[in-house]
């Protein structure tokens, strides 16, 4: 394995979901921008970002392990909406991921 592939670039990481360290950095960057966010742990060895929406809903970003960035909108454990996959997001770096989450349209409750 080359040194480049050992660094696990964003493309590789996003092809199968977020790694824990990546989710931690994205959540931290969101907090620094004033967004309430934390690491989501939907299952063993799966990670994403949880963003409370302030109306009883929360967005769970990238918790399904699929390629690309998308969110499930949940209320009381029930799926009530979604943010479709952001085009080209399977190639996003962490800053682009943060931007996409900050600028997402979550609709109304």
N, C-alpha and C. Protein backbone atom coordinates (compact mmCIF):
# COMPACT_ATOMS: atom_id res chain seq x y z
N UNK A 1 0.84 -1.17 0.00
CA UNK A 1 0.00 0.00 0.00
C UNK A 1 0.89 1.24 0.00
N UNK A 2 0.54 2.21 -0.82
CA UNK A 2 1.35 3.42 -0.89
C UNK A 2 0.98 4.37 0.24
N UNK A 3 1.83 5.36 0.46
CA UNK A 3 1.58 6.36 1.50
C UNK A 3 0.29 7.12 1.21
N UNK A 4 -0.02 7.35 -0.03
CA UNK A 4 -1.23 8.09 -0.39
C UNK A 4 -2.47 7.29 0.02
N UNK A 5 -2.53 6.02 -0.29
CA UNK A 5 -3.71 5.23 0.05
C UNK A 5 -3.83 5.00 1.55
N UNK A 6 -2.73 5.06 2.31
CA UNK A 6 -2.79 4.88 3.75
C UNK A 6 -3.45 6.07 4.43
N UNK A 7 -3.45 7.24 3.80
CA UNK A 7 -4.06 8.42 4.40
C UNK A 7 -5.57 8.41 4.31
N UNK A 8 -6.16 7.46 3.61
CA UNK A 8 -7.62 7.33 3.46
C UNK A 8 -8.27 8.64 3.06
N UNK A 9 -8.08 9.06 1.82
CA UNK A 9 -8.68 10.32 1.38
C UNK A 9 -10.19 10.28 1.47
N UNK A 10 -10.80 11.45 1.42
CA UNK A 10 -12.25 11.60 1.57
C UNK A 10 -13.01 10.69 0.61
N UNK A 11 -12.54 10.53 -0.59
CA UNK A 11 -13.23 9.70 -1.57
C UNK A 11 -13.38 8.27 -1.04
N UNK A 12 -12.33 7.69 -0.52
CA UNK A 12 -12.41 6.33 0.00
C UNK A 12 -13.32 6.27 1.22
N UNK A 13 -13.19 7.24 2.11
CA UNK A 13 -13.98 7.22 3.34
C UNK A 13 -15.45 7.36 3.04
N UNK A 14 -15.80 8.23 2.11
CA UNK A 14 -17.21 8.48 1.85
C UNK A 14 -17.84 7.39 1.00
N UNK A 15 -17.04 6.58 0.35
CA UNK A 15 -17.59 5.51 -0.46
C UNK A 15 -18.32 4.49 0.41
N UNK A 16 -17.98 4.42 1.69
CA UNK A 16 -18.65 3.48 2.57
C UNK A 16 -19.13 4.11 3.86
N UNK A 17 -19.31 5.41 3.91
CA UNK A 17 -19.75 6.09 5.11
C UNK A 17 -18.59 6.75 5.82
N UNK A 18 -18.92 7.49 6.87
CA UNK A 18 -17.90 8.22 7.63
C UNK A 18 -17.17 7.31 8.61
N UNK A 19 -15.91 7.63 8.80
CA UNK A 19 -15.14 7.01 9.87
C UNK A 19 -15.39 7.83 11.14
N UNK A 20 -15.09 7.28 12.29
CA UNK A 20 -15.33 7.99 13.55
C UNK A 20 -14.53 9.28 13.63
N UNK A 21 -13.26 9.25 13.26
CA UNK A 21 -12.44 10.46 13.35
C UNK A 21 -12.95 11.54 12.39
N UNK A 22 -13.42 11.15 11.24
CA UNK A 22 -13.97 12.11 10.28
C UNK A 22 -15.26 12.71 10.83
N UNK A 23 -16.14 11.89 11.36
CA UNK A 23 -17.40 12.39 11.93
C UNK A 23 -17.11 13.35 13.09
N UNK A 24 -16.11 13.05 13.88
CA UNK A 24 -15.73 13.93 14.99
C UNK A 24 -15.26 15.28 14.48
N UNK A 25 -14.42 15.28 13.45
CA UNK A 25 -13.92 16.55 12.90
C UNK A 25 -15.04 17.36 12.26
N UNK A 26 -15.95 16.69 11.55
CA UNK A 26 -17.07 17.40 10.91
C UNK A 26 -17.98 18.00 11.98
N UNK A 27 -18.31 17.22 13.01
CA UNK A 27 -19.16 17.74 14.09
C UNK A 27 -18.48 18.92 14.78
N UNK A 28 -17.19 18.84 15.02
CA UNK A 28 -16.45 19.93 15.66
C UNK A 28 -16.47 21.18 14.78
N UNK A 29 -16.28 21.02 13.48
CA UNK A 29 -16.31 22.17 12.57
C UNK A 29 -17.70 22.80 12.54
N UNK A 30 -18.74 21.99 12.61
CA UNK A 30 -20.11 22.52 12.67
C UNK A 30 -20.32 23.32 13.95
N UNK A 31 -19.87 22.80 15.08
CA UNK A 31 -19.99 23.50 16.36
C UNK A 31 -19.26 24.84 16.28
N UNK A 32 -18.10 24.87 15.67
CA UNK A 32 -17.34 26.11 15.53
C UNK A 32 -18.09 27.14 14.69
N UNK A 33 -19.02 26.68 13.85
CA UNK A 33 -19.85 27.58 13.03
C UNK A 33 -21.19 27.87 13.69
N UNK A 34 -21.37 27.43 14.92
CA UNK A 34 -22.58 27.73 15.66
C UNK A 34 -23.71 26.73 15.47
N UNK A 35 -23.42 25.59 14.86
CA UNK A 35 -24.43 24.55 14.65
C UNK A 35 -24.29 23.52 15.77
N UNK A 36 -25.40 23.17 16.39
CA UNK A 36 -25.36 22.10 17.39
C UNK A 36 -25.19 20.79 16.62
N UNK A 37 -24.14 20.07 16.93
CA UNK A 37 -23.85 18.82 16.22
C UNK A 37 -23.03 17.91 17.12
N UNK A 38 -23.20 16.62 16.90
CA UNK A 38 -22.38 15.64 17.61
C UNK A 38 -22.27 14.39 16.74
N UNK A 39 -21.37 13.52 17.11
CA UNK A 39 -21.18 12.28 16.37
C UNK A 39 -22.37 11.36 16.62
N UNK A 40 -22.91 10.81 15.56
CA UNK A 40 -23.99 9.82 15.66
C UNK A 40 -23.36 8.44 15.55
N UNK A 41 -23.86 7.52 16.36
CA UNK A 41 -23.38 6.13 16.35
C UNK A 41 -24.59 5.21 16.18
N UNK A 42 -25.07 5.05 14.95
CA UNK A 42 -26.30 4.28 14.73
C UNK A 42 -26.13 2.77 14.90
N UNK A 43 -24.92 2.29 14.77
CA UNK A 43 -24.66 0.85 14.89
C UNK A 43 -23.17 0.67 15.18
N UNK A 44 -22.80 -0.53 15.53
CA UNK A 44 -21.40 -0.81 15.78
C UNK A 44 -20.56 -0.48 14.55
N UNK A 45 -19.51 0.29 14.76
CA UNK A 45 -18.55 0.65 13.72
C UNK A 45 -19.16 1.49 12.60
N UNK A 46 -20.28 2.17 12.86
CA UNK A 46 -20.87 3.10 11.88
C UNK A 46 -21.02 4.45 12.55
N UNK A 47 -20.68 5.50 11.81
CA UNK A 47 -20.67 6.84 12.37
C UNK A 47 -21.24 7.82 11.37
N UNK A 48 -21.76 8.89 11.89
CA UNK A 48 -22.28 9.99 11.08
C UNK A 48 -22.33 11.23 11.96
N UNK A 49 -23.16 12.19 11.57
CA UNK A 49 -23.29 13.43 12.32
C UNK A 49 -24.77 13.66 12.62
N UNK A 50 -25.06 13.98 13.88
CA UNK A 50 -26.42 14.25 14.34
C UNK A 50 -26.57 15.77 14.53
N UNK A 51 -27.60 16.34 13.89
CA UNK A 51 -27.87 17.78 14.00
C UNK A 51 -29.31 17.96 14.47
N UNK A 52 -29.53 18.37 15.74
CA UNK A 52 -30.89 18.67 16.18
C UNK A 52 -31.41 19.89 15.43
N UNK A 53 -32.68 19.84 15.01
CA UNK A 53 -33.24 20.92 14.20
C UNK A 53 -34.08 21.90 15.02
N UNK A 54 -34.24 21.65 16.31
CA UNK A 54 -34.91 22.60 17.18
C UNK A 54 -36.42 22.54 17.19
N UNK A 55 -37.01 21.65 16.43
CA UNK A 55 -38.47 21.53 16.38
C UNK A 55 -38.91 20.10 16.67
N UNK A 56 -38.07 19.38 17.39
CA UNK A 56 -38.36 17.98 17.70
C UNK A 56 -37.79 17.00 16.70
N UNK A 57 -37.26 17.54 15.59
CA UNK A 57 -36.64 16.67 14.59
C UNK A 57 -35.13 16.74 14.72
N UNK A 58 -34.48 15.75 14.13
CA UNK A 58 -33.02 15.78 14.03
C UNK A 58 -32.61 15.20 12.69
N UNK A 59 -31.53 15.75 12.16
CA UNK A 59 -30.97 15.25 10.91
C UNK A 59 -29.82 14.31 11.24
N UNK A 60 -29.86 13.13 10.68
CA UNK A 60 -28.78 12.16 10.84
C UNK A 60 -28.06 12.06 9.51
N UNK A 61 -26.89 12.67 9.45
CA UNK A 61 -26.12 12.74 8.22
C UNK A 61 -25.21 11.54 8.07
N UNK A 62 -25.32 10.89 6.93
CA UNK A 62 -24.38 9.85 6.50
C UNK A 62 -24.30 8.66 7.45
N UNK A 63 -25.42 8.27 8.04
CA UNK A 63 -25.41 7.15 8.98
C UNK A 63 -25.72 5.80 8.33
N UNK A 64 -26.06 5.81 7.05
CA UNK A 64 -26.48 4.56 6.41
C UNK A 64 -25.35 3.79 5.74
N UNK A 65 -24.15 4.37 5.70
CA UNK A 65 -23.01 3.67 5.12
C UNK A 65 -22.95 3.72 3.61
N UNK A 66 -23.88 4.43 2.97
CA UNK A 66 -23.88 4.52 1.51
C UNK A 66 -22.89 5.59 1.04
N UNK A 67 -22.52 5.48 -0.22
CA UNK A 67 -21.65 6.50 -0.81
C UNK A 67 -22.43 7.79 -0.93
N UNK A 68 -21.77 8.90 -0.78
CA UNK A 68 -22.42 10.19 -0.91
C UNK A 68 -22.99 10.66 0.42
N UNK A 69 -23.32 11.93 0.47
CA UNK A 69 -23.78 12.59 1.68
C UNK A 69 -25.28 12.83 1.58
N UNK A 70 -26.02 12.30 2.54
CA UNK A 70 -27.46 12.49 2.62
C UNK A 70 -27.86 12.43 4.08
N UNK A 71 -29.10 12.87 4.36
CA UNK A 71 -29.55 12.87 5.76
C UNK A 71 -30.94 12.27 5.87
N UNK A 72 -31.14 11.57 6.97
CA UNK A 72 -32.46 11.10 7.35
C UNK A 72 -32.97 12.08 8.41
N UNK A 73 -34.21 12.53 8.27
CA UNK A 73 -34.80 13.43 9.26
C UNK A 73 -35.71 12.58 10.15
N UNK A 74 -35.42 12.61 11.44
CA UNK A 74 -36.11 11.74 12.39
C UNK A 74 -36.83 12.58 13.45
N UNK A 75 -37.95 12.05 13.93
CA UNK A 75 -38.64 12.61 15.09
C UNK A 75 -39.10 11.43 15.94
N UNK A 76 -38.67 11.42 17.19
CA UNK A 76 -39.03 10.33 18.10
C UNK A 76 -38.73 8.95 17.52
N UNK A 77 -37.60 8.84 16.84
CA UNK A 77 -37.19 7.56 16.28
C UNK A 77 -37.87 7.16 14.99
N UNK A 78 -38.74 8.02 14.48
CA UNK A 78 -39.47 7.73 13.23
C UNK A 78 -38.94 8.60 12.10
N UNK A 79 -38.78 8.01 10.94
CA UNK A 79 -38.35 8.75 9.76
C UNK A 79 -39.49 9.66 9.31
N UNK A 80 -39.23 10.98 9.24
CA UNK A 80 -40.26 11.93 8.83
C UNK A 80 -39.85 12.73 7.59
N UNK A 81 -38.65 12.48 7.09
CA UNK A 81 -38.19 13.17 5.89
C UNK A 81 -36.75 12.82 5.59
N UNK A 82 -36.22 13.45 4.58
CA UNK A 82 -34.83 13.20 4.23
C UNK A 82 -34.29 14.36 3.40
N UNK A 83 -32.98 14.46 3.40
CA UNK A 83 -32.26 15.34 2.49
C UNK A 83 -31.63 14.41 1.49
N UNK A 84 -32.02 14.49 0.21
CA UNK A 84 -31.47 13.57 -0.79
C UNK A 84 -29.95 13.72 -0.91
N UNK A 85 -29.34 12.71 -1.49
CA UNK A 85 -27.89 12.74 -1.67
C UNK A 85 -27.48 14.00 -2.40
N UNK A 86 -26.49 14.67 -1.85
CA UNK A 86 -25.95 15.88 -2.45
C UNK A 86 -25.11 15.47 -3.66
N UNK A 87 -25.44 15.96 -4.85
CA UNK A 87 -24.71 15.55 -6.06
C UNK A 87 -23.20 15.80 -5.92
N UNK A 88 -22.44 14.78 -6.26
CA UNK A 88 -20.98 14.88 -6.22
C UNK A 88 -20.37 14.72 -4.84
N UNK A 89 -21.21 14.52 -3.82
CA UNK A 89 -20.71 14.51 -2.45
C UNK A 89 -19.81 13.32 -2.13
N UNK A 90 -19.84 12.29 -2.95
CA UNK A 90 -18.93 11.17 -2.70
C UNK A 90 -17.48 11.59 -2.88
N UNK A 91 -17.26 12.78 -3.46
CA UNK A 91 -15.91 13.32 -3.65
C UNK A 91 -15.61 14.50 -2.73
N UNK A 92 -16.51 14.84 -1.83
CA UNK A 92 -16.33 16.00 -0.95
C UNK A 92 -15.20 15.77 0.04
N UNK A 93 -14.48 16.85 0.32
CA UNK A 93 -13.56 16.82 1.45
C UNK A 93 -14.38 17.24 2.69
N UNK A 94 -13.76 17.29 3.83
CA UNK A 94 -14.50 17.58 5.06
C UNK A 94 -15.08 18.99 5.06
N UNK A 95 -14.38 19.96 4.54
CA UNK A 95 -14.90 21.33 4.48
C UNK A 95 -16.15 21.40 3.61
N UNK A 96 -16.15 20.73 2.49
CA UNK A 96 -17.33 20.71 1.62
C UNK A 96 -18.50 19.99 2.31
N UNK A 97 -18.20 18.96 3.08
CA UNK A 97 -19.22 18.25 3.83
C UNK A 97 -19.85 19.18 4.86
N UNK A 98 -19.02 19.93 5.56
CA UNK A 98 -19.52 20.89 6.55
C UNK A 98 -20.40 21.93 5.87
N UNK A 99 -19.94 22.47 4.75
CA UNK A 99 -20.72 23.47 4.00
C UNK A 99 -22.08 22.92 3.58
N UNK A 100 -22.11 21.69 3.11
CA UNK A 100 -23.36 21.07 2.67
C UNK A 100 -24.33 20.92 3.84
N UNK A 101 -23.84 20.55 4.99
CA UNK A 101 -24.70 20.38 6.16
C UNK A 101 -25.21 21.74 6.64
N UNK A 102 -24.34 22.74 6.68
CA UNK A 102 -24.73 24.08 7.11
C UNK A 102 -25.79 24.66 6.19
N UNK A 103 -25.69 24.43 4.91
CA UNK A 103 -26.60 25.07 3.94
C UNK A 103 -27.80 24.19 3.55
N UNK A 104 -27.97 23.05 4.18
CA UNK A 104 -29.06 22.13 3.83
C UNK A 104 -30.42 22.74 4.13
N UNK A 105 -31.39 22.39 3.30
CA UNK A 105 -32.78 22.78 3.51
C UNK A 105 -33.49 21.59 4.14
N UNK A 106 -33.91 21.74 5.40
CA UNK A 106 -34.55 20.66 6.12
C UNK A 106 -36.08 20.69 6.02
N UNK A 107 -36.62 21.64 5.30
CA UNK A 107 -38.06 21.76 5.19
C UNK A 107 -38.68 22.20 6.49
N UNK A 108 -39.97 22.05 6.61
CA UNK A 108 -40.68 22.43 7.82
C UNK A 108 -41.12 21.20 8.58
N UNK A 109 -41.40 21.41 9.85
CA UNK A 109 -41.78 20.29 10.73
C UNK A 109 -43.09 19.66 10.36
